[in-house]
Amino acid sequence: MGLIRFGGHLRKGEYDVDHGGLEWKADAAELHRGLQDGAVRRTRDLGLTESSLRNWVEQARADRTKGKTGLTTEERAELAGLRKENRELRMERDILKKAAAFFAKNQA
């Protein structure tokens, strides 16, 4: 997929771009590599903040270097999954502790 070609100026919210797609982020990060002043304005026209674009560029760099400059996309996804599983396991453990205390109290 190539970069989005854009000839006019739209106000924020007047465009139909999926900002969540990994492919779109990779294209935006690619655009940033050789940015000129005019290209910076175009990224703003697309509704991007400089910090979002900078984060996407850093993520693309980490993916290209296979994690030498930061967590790769796959590592971030795995970390998010492990954190979610950890939260669920802690919640289950706490429920079991409360249930055990409740039944121990009622048997006495």
N, C-alpha and C. Protein backbone atom coordinates (compact mmCIF):
# COMPACT_ATOMS: atom_id res chain seq x y z
N MET A 1 0.84 -1.17 0.00
CA MET A 1 0.00 0.00 0.00
C MET A 1 0.89 1.23 0.00
N GLY A 2 0.62 2.16 -0.88
CA GLY A 2 1.39 3.38 -0.95
C GLY A 2 0.84 4.42 0.01
N LEU A 3 1.53 5.53 0.05
CA LEU A 3 1.06 6.62 0.89
C LEU A 3 -0.21 7.22 0.31
N ILE A 4 -1.02 7.78 1.17
CA ILE A 4 -2.26 8.42 0.75
C ILE A 4 -1.91 9.70 0.01
N ARG A 5 -2.41 9.85 -1.19
CA ARG A 5 -2.22 11.10 -1.95
C ARG A 5 -3.36 12.03 -1.61
N PHE A 6 -3.03 13.26 -1.33
CA PHE A 6 -4.02 14.18 -0.82
C PHE A 6 -3.76 15.54 -1.44
N GLY A 7 -4.74 16.09 -2.17
CA GLY A 7 -4.52 17.33 -2.88
C GLY A 7 -5.10 18.55 -2.20
N GLY A 8 -6.08 18.40 -1.32
CA GLY A 8 -6.72 19.55 -0.71
C GLY A 8 -6.46 19.62 0.77
N HIS A 9 -7.16 20.55 1.40
CA HIS A 9 -7.03 20.70 2.84
C HIS A 9 -8.37 20.39 3.48
N LEU A 10 -8.37 19.53 4.44
CA LEU A 10 -9.58 19.18 5.18
C LEU A 10 -9.38 19.54 6.63
N ARG A 11 -10.44 19.96 7.27
CA ARG A 11 -10.37 20.21 8.70
C ARG A 11 -10.43 18.88 9.42
N LYS A 12 -9.94 18.87 10.63
CA LYS A 12 -9.92 17.66 11.43
C LYS A 12 -11.34 17.09 11.53
N GLY A 13 -11.47 15.80 11.26
CA GLY A 13 -12.77 15.14 11.33
C GLY A 13 -13.48 15.05 9.99
N GLU A 14 -12.97 15.71 8.94
CA GLU A 14 -13.62 15.69 7.63
C GLU A 14 -13.03 14.64 6.71
N TYR A 15 -12.24 13.75 7.21
CA TYR A 15 -11.62 12.73 6.39
C TYR A 15 -12.01 11.36 6.94
N ASP A 16 -11.88 10.37 6.11
CA ASP A 16 -12.25 9.02 6.51
C ASP A 16 -11.02 8.14 6.44
N VAL A 17 -10.18 8.22 7.49
CA VAL A 17 -8.94 7.46 7.54
C VAL A 17 -8.96 6.64 8.81
N ASP A 18 -8.61 5.36 8.71
CA ASP A 18 -8.53 4.49 9.87
C ASP A 18 -7.17 4.70 10.53
N HIS A 19 -7.14 5.48 11.62
CA HIS A 19 -5.87 5.75 12.30
C HIS A 19 -5.38 4.56 13.10
N GLY A 20 -6.19 3.51 13.26
CA GLY A 20 -5.78 2.40 14.10
C GLY A 20 -5.05 1.30 13.37
N GLY A 21 -5.08 1.29 12.04
CA GLY A 21 -4.48 0.20 11.28
C GLY A 21 -2.97 0.23 11.30
N LEU A 22 -2.35 -0.93 11.48
CA LEU A 22 -0.90 -1.01 11.53
C LEU A 22 -0.29 -0.60 10.20
N GLU A 23 -0.93 -0.96 9.09
CA GLU A 23 -0.39 -0.63 7.78
C GLU A 23 -0.38 0.89 7.58
N TRP A 24 -1.44 1.55 8.02
CA TRP A 24 -1.52 3.00 7.88
C TRP A 24 -0.45 3.66 8.74
N LYS A 25 -0.23 3.14 9.94
CA LYS A 25 0.81 3.69 10.82
C LYS A 25 2.18 3.51 10.19
N ALA A 26 2.41 2.34 9.59
CA ALA A 26 3.70 2.09 8.96
C ALA A 26 3.92 3.06 7.80
N ASP A 27 2.87 3.32 7.03
CA ASP A 27 2.98 4.29 5.93
C ASP A 27 3.28 5.68 6.46
N ALA A 28 2.61 6.07 7.54
CA ALA A 28 2.85 7.39 8.13
C ALA A 28 4.28 7.48 8.65
N ALA A 29 4.77 6.41 9.27
CA ALA A 29 6.14 6.39 9.77
C ALA A 29 7.13 6.49 8.61
N GLU A 30 6.83 5.82 7.50
CA GLU A 30 7.69 5.89 6.32
C GLU A 30 7.73 7.33 5.79
N LEU A 31 6.60 8.00 5.78
CA LEU A 31 6.52 9.39 5.34
C LEU A 31 7.42 10.27 6.20
N HIS A 32 7.49 9.99 7.47
CA HIS A 32 8.25 10.81 8.40
C HIS A 32 9.75 10.75 8.16
N ARG A 33 10.23 9.63 7.62
CA ARG A 33 11.67 9.45 7.46
C ARG A 33 12.32 10.57 6.64
N GLY A 34 11.66 11.03 5.60
CA GLY A 34 12.26 12.07 4.77
C GLY A 34 11.45 13.35 4.79
N LEU A 35 10.90 13.70 5.94
CA LEU A 35 9.98 14.84 6.01
C LEU A 35 10.64 16.16 5.65
N GLN A 36 9.92 16.92 4.85
CA GLN A 36 10.24 18.31 4.58
C GLN A 36 9.16 19.13 5.29
N ASP A 37 9.28 20.45 5.32
CA ASP A 37 8.29 21.29 5.99
C ASP A 37 6.90 21.07 5.43
N GLY A 38 6.75 20.95 4.13
CA GLY A 38 5.44 20.73 3.52
C GLY A 38 4.83 19.41 3.93
N ALA A 39 5.66 18.39 4.08
CA ALA A 39 5.17 17.08 4.48
C ALA A 39 4.67 17.12 5.92
N VAL A 40 5.29 17.91 6.77
CA VAL A 40 4.83 18.05 8.16
C VAL A 40 3.42 18.62 8.16
N ARG A 41 3.19 19.63 7.30
CA ARG A 41 1.85 20.21 7.20
C ARG A 41 0.84 19.17 6.73
N ARG A 42 1.24 18.31 5.79
CA ARG A 42 0.33 17.28 5.30
C ARG A 42 -0.04 16.29 6.40
N THR A 43 0.93 15.93 7.26
CA THR A 43 0.59 15.01 8.35
C THR A 43 -0.41 15.67 9.29
N ARG A 44 -0.26 16.96 9.50
CA ARG A 44 -1.24 17.68 10.34
C ARG A 44 -2.59 17.72 9.66
N ASP A 45 -2.60 17.87 8.32
CA ASP A 45 -3.86 17.86 7.58
C ASP A 45 -4.59 16.53 7.75
N LEU A 46 -3.84 15.47 7.94
CA LEU A 46 -4.44 14.14 8.15
C LEU A 46 -4.90 13.95 9.59
N GLY A 47 -4.67 14.94 10.44
CA GLY A 47 -5.13 14.86 11.82
C GLY A 47 -4.14 14.19 12.75
N LEU A 48 -2.90 14.05 12.33
CA LEU A 48 -1.88 13.42 13.17
C LEU A 48 -1.23 14.45 14.07
N THR A 49 -0.90 14.03 15.26
CA THR A 49 -0.09 14.87 16.12
C THR A 49 1.36 14.48 15.90
N GLU A 50 2.25 15.40 16.17
CA GLU A 50 3.67 15.10 15.99
C GLU A 50 4.11 13.97 16.92
N SER A 51 3.55 13.94 18.12
CA SER A 51 3.95 12.89 19.07
C SER A 51 3.47 11.51 18.61
N SER A 52 2.27 11.44 18.03
CA SER A 52 1.79 10.15 17.51
C SER A 52 2.70 9.66 16.40
N LEU A 53 3.01 10.55 15.48
CA LEU A 53 3.87 10.18 14.37
C LEU A 53 5.25 9.76 14.87
N ARG A 54 5.79 10.49 15.85
CA ARG A 54 7.10 10.16 16.41
C ARG A 54 7.05 8.76 17.05
N ASN A 55 5.96 8.44 17.78
CA ASN A 55 5.82 7.12 18.39
C ASN A 55 5.77 6.03 17.33
N TRP A 56 5.04 6.28 16.24
CA TRP A 56 4.95 5.29 15.16
C TRP A 56 6.31 5.08 14.50
N VAL A 57 7.07 6.16 14.34
CA VAL A 57 8.40 6.05 13.74
C VAL A 57 9.31 5.23 14.65
N GLU A 58 9.26 5.50 15.95
CA GLU A 58 10.08 4.72 16.89
C GLU A 58 9.68 3.25 16.89
N GLN A 59 8.36 2.98 16.77
CA GLN A 59 7.90 1.59 16.72
C GLN A 59 8.37 0.91 15.44
N ALA A 60 8.31 1.62 14.33
CA ALA A 60 8.78 1.06 13.06
C ALA A 60 10.28 0.78 13.13
N ARG A 61 11.04 1.67 13.78
CA ARG A 61 12.48 1.47 13.94
C ARG A 61 12.75 0.21 14.80
N ALA A 62 11.99 0.05 15.87
CA ALA A 62 12.17 -1.13 16.73
C ALA A 62 11.86 -2.41 15.95
N ASP A 63 10.80 -2.37 15.10
CA ASP A 63 10.46 -3.54 14.29
C ASP A 63 11.57 -3.85 13.29
N ARG A 64 12.12 -2.79 12.65
CA ARG A 64 13.18 -2.98 11.65
C ARG A 64 14.44 -3.55 12.28
N THR A 65 14.76 -3.11 13.50
CA THR A 65 15.99 -3.57 14.15
C THR A 65 15.76 -4.83 14.99
N LYS A 66 14.56 -5.39 14.85
CA LYS A 66 14.19 -6.63 15.56
C LYS A 66 14.37 -6.50 17.07
N GLY A 67 13.99 -5.35 17.62
CA GLY A 67 13.97 -5.15 19.06
C GLY A 67 15.20 -4.54 19.66
N LYS A 68 16.20 -4.21 18.86
CA LYS A 68 17.42 -3.63 19.43
C LYS A 68 17.21 -2.20 19.91
N THR A 69 16.21 -1.50 19.36
CA THR A 69 15.97 -0.11 19.76
C THR A 69 14.68 0.05 20.54
N GLY A 70 14.06 -1.03 20.95
CA GLY A 70 12.81 -0.97 21.72
C GLY A 70 12.00 -2.23 21.47
N LEU A 71 10.84 -2.32 22.11
CA LEU A 71 9.99 -3.49 21.94
C LEU A 71 9.37 -3.51 20.55
N THR A 72 9.38 -4.68 19.91
CA THR A 72 8.74 -4.82 18.61
C THR A 72 7.23 -4.86 18.79
N THR A 73 6.51 -4.75 17.68
CA THR A 73 5.05 -4.81 17.72
C THR A 73 4.60 -6.13 18.32
N GLU A 74 5.23 -7.23 17.93
CA GLU A 74 4.87 -8.55 18.46
C GLU A 74 5.14 -8.63 19.96
N GLU A 75 6.27 -8.08 20.39
CA GLU A 75 6.60 -8.10 21.82
C GLU A 75 5.60 -7.26 22.62
N ARG A 76 5.20 -6.12 22.07
CA ARG A 76 4.21 -5.29 22.75
C ARG A 76 2.87 -6.01 22.87
N ALA A 77 2.48 -6.71 21.80
CA ALA A 77 1.22 -7.46 21.83
C ALA A 77 1.30 -8.59 22.86
N GLU A 78 2.43 -9.29 22.89
CA GLU A 78 2.61 -10.36 23.87
C GLU A 78 2.59 -9.80 25.30
N LEU A 79 3.26 -8.68 25.52
CA LEU A 79 3.29 -8.06 26.84
C LEU A 79 1.88 -7.66 27.28
N ALA A 80 1.10 -7.07 26.36
CA ALA A 80 -0.28 -6.69 26.69
C ALA A 80 -1.10 -7.92 27.06
N GLY A 81 -0.93 -9.01 26.31
CA GLY A 81 -1.66 -10.24 26.61
C GLY A 81 -1.27 -10.82 27.96
N LEU A 82 0.02 -10.81 28.26
CA LEU A 82 0.49 -11.33 29.54
C LEU A 82 0.00 -10.47 30.71
N ARG A 83 -0.02 -9.16 30.52
CA ARG A 83 -0.54 -8.28 31.57
C ARG A 83 -2.01 -8.54 31.83
N LYS A 84 -2.78 -8.75 30.76
CA LYS A 84 -4.21 -9.04 30.90
C LYS A 84 -4.40 -10.37 31.63
N GLU A 85 -3.64 -11.38 31.23
CA GLU A 85 -3.74 -12.69 31.88
C GLU A 85 -3.36 -12.58 33.36
N ASN A 86 -2.33 -11.79 33.67
CA ASN A 86 -1.89 -11.59 35.05
C ASN A 86 -3.01 -10.96 35.88
N ARG A 87 -3.69 -9.93 35.32
CA ARG A 87 -4.81 -9.29 36.03
C ARG A 87 -5.91 -10.30 36.31
N GLU A 88 -6.24 -11.12 35.30
CA GLU A 88 -7.31 -12.12 35.47
C GLU A 88 -6.93 -13.15 36.53
N LEU A 89 -5.69 -13.61 36.51
CA LEU A 89 -5.24 -14.59 37.50
C LEU A 89 -5.25 -14.02 38.92
N ARG A 90 -4.86 -12.76 39.07
CA ARG A 90 -4.91 -12.12 40.39
C ARG A 90 -6.34 -12.01 40.88
N MET A 91 -7.25 -11.65 39.98
CA MET A 91 -8.65 -11.52 40.35
C MET A 91 -9.22 -12.89 40.78
N GLU A 92 -8.90 -13.93 40.01
CA GLU A 92 -9.36 -15.28 40.36
C GLU A 92 -8.79 -15.72 41.71
N ARG A 93 -7.50 -15.43 41.95
CA ARG A 93 -6.87 -15.78 43.22
C ARG A 93 -7.55 -15.08 44.38
N ASP A 94 -7.85 -13.79 44.21
CA ASP A 94 -8.51 -13.03 45.27
C ASP A 94 -9.91 -13.58 45.56
N ILE A 95 -10.62 -13.96 44.52
CA ILE A 95 -11.96 -14.55 44.71
C ILE A 95 -11.85 -15.86 45.48
N LEU A 96 -10.88 -16.69 45.13
CA LEU A 96 -10.70 -17.97 45.83
C LEU A 96 -10.30 -17.77 47.29
N LYS A 97 -9.46 -16.78 47.56
CA LYS A 97 -9.08 -16.48 48.94
C LYS A 97 -10.30 -16.09 49.77
N LYS A 98 -11.15 -15.22 49.20
CA LYS A 98 -12.35 -14.78 49.91
C LYS A 98 -13.31 -15.94 50.12
N ALA A 99 -13.45 -16.80 49.11
CA ALA A 99 -14.34 -17.95 49.24
C ALA A 99 -13.82 -18.90 50.32
N ALA A 100 -12.52 -19.14 50.33
CA ALA A 100 -11.94 -20.04 51.34
C ALA A 100 -12.14 -19.46 52.74
N ALA A 101 -11.95 -18.16 52.90
CA ALA A 101 -12.14 -17.53 54.20
C ALA A 101 -13.60 -17.60 54.63
N PHE A 102 -14.52 -17.41 53.69
CA PHE A 102 -15.94 -17.47 53.98
C PHE A 102 -16.34 -18.87 54.46
N PHE A 103 -15.90 -19.90 53.73
CA PHE A 103 -16.27 -21.26 54.12
C PHE A 103 -15.59 -21.69 55.40
N ALA A 104 -14.37 -21.27 55.64
CA ALA A 104 -13.68 -21.60 56.88
C ALA A 104 -14.37 -20.95 58.07
N LYS A 105 -14.86 -19.77 57.90
CA LYS A 105 -15.56 -19.05 58.97
C LYS A 105 -16.90 -19.72 59.29
N ASN A 106 -17.61 -20.16 58.28
CA ASN A 106 -18.91 -20.78 58.46
C ASN A 106 -18.85 -22.20 59.01
N GLN A 107 -17.73 -22.87 58.92
CA GLN A 107 -17.59 -24.23 59.44
C GLN A 107 -17.21 -24.23 60.91
N ALA A 108 -16.73 -23.13 61.40
CA ALA A 108 -16.28 -23.07 62.80
C ALA A 108 -17.44 -22.93 63.75
